[in-house]
Protein backbone atom coordinates (compact mmCIF):
# COMPACT_ATOMS: atom_id res chain seq x y z
CA MET A 1 59.73 116.47 90.04
CA LYS A 2 58.13 115.91 86.21
CA ASN A 3 61.14 116.01 83.95
CA ILE A 4 64.63 113.98 83.66
CA GLU A 5 67.38 113.65 81.14
CA ALA A 6 70.53 111.76 80.83
CA VAL A 7 73.22 114.63 80.87
CA ASN A 8 75.15 113.52 77.84
CA LYS A 9 71.53 113.48 75.55
CA LEU A 10 71.01 117.27 77.21
CA ARG A 11 74.67 118.41 76.28
CA ALA A 12 74.04 117.10 72.36
CA MET A 13 70.62 118.92 72.50
CA ILE A 14 72.02 122.26 73.44
CA ALA A 15 74.62 121.62 71.03
CA GLN A 16 71.80 121.34 68.07
CA LYS A 17 70.11 124.36 69.21
CA GLN A 18 67.22 121.90 70.84
CA ASN A 19 67.40 122.48 74.66
CA PRO A 20 64.04 120.68 75.53
CA VAL A 21 64.26 122.91 79.24
CA CYS A 22 61.90 125.50 79.12
CA GLN A 23 62.87 129.19 79.93
CA CYS A 24 61.14 129.34 83.45
CA PRO A 25 61.84 129.52 87.32
CA GLY A 26 62.02 126.06 89.02
CA VAL A 27 63.74 123.45 90.85
CA TYR A 28 66.61 120.66 89.51
CA CYS A 29 68.18 117.76 90.99
CA TRP A 30 71.61 115.97 89.80
CA TRP A 31 71.35 112.33 89.68
CA PHE A 32 74.46 110.31 89.96
CA LYS A 33 75.08 106.57 89.43
CA ARG A 34 75.41 104.76 92.47
CA ASP A 35 78.71 103.23 92.33
CA VAL A 36 80.09 106.59 91.09
CA ALA A 37 77.93 108.60 93.62
CA LEU A 38 79.62 106.44 96.68
CA GLU A 39 83.18 106.80 95.00
CA LEU A 40 82.87 110.55 94.92
CA LEU A 41 81.20 110.38 98.73
CA LYS A 42 84.46 108.47 99.74
CA ALA A 43 85.74 111.88 100.84
CA PHE A 44 83.75 112.72 103.24
CA PRO A 45 84.01 109.23 105.49
CA GLU A 46 81.51 110.75 108.34
CA PHE A 47 78.74 111.33 105.79
CA ASP A 48 75.67 109.00 106.59
CA ARG A 49 75.02 107.42 103.14
CA ASP A 50 71.69 106.25 104.42
CA LYS A 51 70.11 109.16 103.89
CA LEU A 52 70.81 109.46 100.24
CA GLN A 53 67.74 109.54 98.25
CA SER A 54 68.01 106.74 95.61
CA ARG A 55 65.78 105.74 92.21
CA GLN A 56 65.46 103.25 89.41
CA ILE A 57 66.33 105.14 85.93
CA ASP A 58 66.96 103.14 82.87
CA GLY A 59 67.35 99.88 84.94
CA GLU A 60 70.38 101.22 86.98
CA THR A 61 70.35 103.01 90.70
CA TYR A 62 70.78 106.52 90.95
CA LEU A 63 71.65 108.41 93.97
CA ALA A 64 70.34 112.29 94.29
CA LEU A 65 73.66 114.55 95.51
CA TYR A 66 73.00 118.14 94.98
CA PHE A 67 69.21 120.33 94.64
CA GLY A 68 69.14 123.64 92.78
CA ILE A 69 67.15 126.31 91.77
CA SER A 70 66.92 128.93 88.92
CA LYS A 71 65.37 131.99 87.78
CA ASN A 72 65.91 130.33 84.27
CA LEU A 73 66.28 126.56 83.98
CA LYS A 74 66.97 126.53 80.23
CA GLU A 75 69.82 129.16 80.88
CA ARG A 76 70.76 126.71 83.86
CA ILE A 77 71.30 123.48 81.85
CA GLU A 78 73.41 125.16 79.01
CA TRP A 79 75.38 126.81 82.00
CA HIS A 80 75.95 123.45 84.38
CA VAL A 81 76.32 121.53 80.95
CA SER A 82 78.33 124.15 78.71
CA GLN A 83 80.70 125.80 81.08
CA GLN A 84 84.07 126.36 80.48
CA HIS A 85 86.75 126.36 83.20
CA THR A 86 88.37 129.26 82.23
CA PRO A 87 90.62 131.03 84.55
CA SER A 88 88.75 134.04 84.79
CA ALA A 89 85.52 131.97 85.63
CA VAL A 90 87.26 130.45 88.12
CA LYS A 91 89.23 133.85 89.36
CA SER A 92 85.64 135.45 89.85
CA GLY A 93 83.76 132.60 91.44
CA TYR A 94 81.61 132.39 88.09
CA LEU A 95 82.04 128.68 87.66
CA SER A 96 79.29 126.74 88.96
CA THR A 97 78.79 125.27 92.17
CA LEU A 98 78.48 121.76 91.20
CA ARG A 99 81.37 122.32 88.75
CA GLN A 100 83.57 123.71 91.79
CA THR A 101 82.81 120.63 94.15
CA LEU A 102 83.01 118.21 91.45
CA SER A 103 86.82 119.69 90.71
CA GLY A 104 87.71 119.50 94.12
CA ILE A 105 86.34 116.06 94.88
CA LEU A 106 88.28 114.57 92.10
CA GLY A 107 91.28 116.18 93.14
CA GLU A 108 91.65 118.57 89.98
CA ASP A 109 92.36 122.49 89.92
CA MET A 110 89.31 123.74 88.49
CA SER A 111 90.87 125.54 85.50
CA ILE A 112 92.24 122.22 84.26
CA SER A 113 89.41 120.17 85.19
CA GLU A 114 86.65 120.96 82.43
CA GLN A 115 87.36 117.85 80.69
CA SER A 116 86.96 115.19 83.74
CA VAL A 117 84.16 117.19 84.94
CA ASN A 118 82.37 116.94 81.35
CA SER A 119 83.31 113.23 80.84
CA LEU A 120 82.04 112.65 84.91
CA ILE A 121 78.39 114.10 84.41
CA ASP A 122 78.17 113.09 80.73
CA ASP A 123 78.87 109.48 81.55
CA ASN A 124 76.92 108.99 84.92
CA CYS A 125 74.33 111.88 85.26
CA TYR A 126 70.69 112.80 85.12
CA TRP A 127 69.64 116.06 85.66
CA GLU A 128 65.65 116.18 86.71
CA TRP A 129 63.73 119.62 86.48
CA GLU A 130 60.37 121.12 87.35
CA CYS A 131 58.96 124.84 87.13
CA THR A 132 57.41 126.33 89.45
CA SER A 133 55.27 129.21 89.27
CA SER A 134 57.74 132.14 90.45
CA GLU A 135 61.34 132.05 91.51
CA ASP A 136 60.01 132.78 95.51
CA ASP A 137 58.06 129.03 95.37
CA ALA A 138 61.43 127.84 93.75
CA LYS A 139 63.43 129.07 96.92
CA LYS A 140 60.95 127.98 99.39
CA ARG A 141 61.27 124.45 97.74
CA GLU A 142 65.04 124.36 98.07
CA LYS A 143 65.23 125.90 101.51
CA THR A 144 62.51 123.06 102.58
CA GLU A 145 64.60 120.24 100.48
CA LEU A 146 67.76 121.44 102.35
CA THR A 147 66.46 121.94 105.68
CA GLN A 148 63.62 119.94 105.96
CA SER A 149 63.77 116.57 103.91
CA VAL A 150 64.62 113.26 105.02
CA TYR A 151 66.95 113.14 102.09
CA CYS A 152 70.38 114.94 102.17
CA TYR A 153 72.17 116.32 99.32
CA PRO A 154 76.09 116.04 100.00
CA LEU A 155 77.33 118.54 97.20
CA ASN A 156 75.12 121.57 98.15
CA ILE A 157 77.00 123.82 100.56
CA HIS A 158 74.77 127.35 101.16
CA GLY A 159 72.03 126.81 103.23
CA ASN A 160 72.43 122.99 103.64
CA LYS A 161 71.36 121.55 106.99
CA THR A 162 70.83 118.17 105.50
CA ILE A 163 74.66 117.04 105.98
CA SER A 164 77.25 117.82 108.97
CA LYS A 165 78.99 120.72 109.73
CA GLU A 166 82.41 118.46 109.25
CA CYS A 167 81.25 117.41 105.72
CA LEU A 168 80.36 121.39 105.04
CA LYS A 169 83.91 122.00 106.23
CA ALA A 170 85.55 119.54 104.20
CA LEU A 171 83.27 120.28 101.17
CA LYS A 172 84.70 123.95 101.34
CA GLU A 173 88.22 123.01 101.80
CA LEU A 174 88.46 120.74 99.24
CA ARG A 175 86.79 123.51 97.04
CA LYS A 176 89.23 126.25 98.28
CA LYS A 177 92.19 124.02 97.70
CA HIS A 178 91.81 123.40 94.04
CA ASN A 179 90.02 127.28 93.31
CA LYS A 180 93.16 127.63 90.79
């Protein structure tokens, strides 16, 4: 991918109406500090941690835990970073998949986990993105990443063949338990 930025920096730029992400279809990846990522993944003891993609960012090791697509990357990062955990967003299922998953793993009901999720992603995450020529190209790339990649993305649910059925089931159960 071609662009990467710390989430806390993206949040500040978005608040100042200076979002550096372009309005284009594309793919994106969430990178978590290694120690935080491994702590989050303790919820899935049967998960194969050797299949996680890692890289050095600003002198620290980060692991890729989520891969996604969007029709409009600029709107997607604003949604992921700025979304509020209102009861209506939770009830309607409008809360981002990543936020739902993190709420469940943190053991907090989605309607009250906004501050915890914001702190987690601000302090420990980078967001990487790349524009594609079309939404269809983004969908093809996501399908390849979630079905044929040598790496796995343990926080993805829909169409994810990179983790076991047991992990997917546990992830869905955590989300369901905290969907309040």
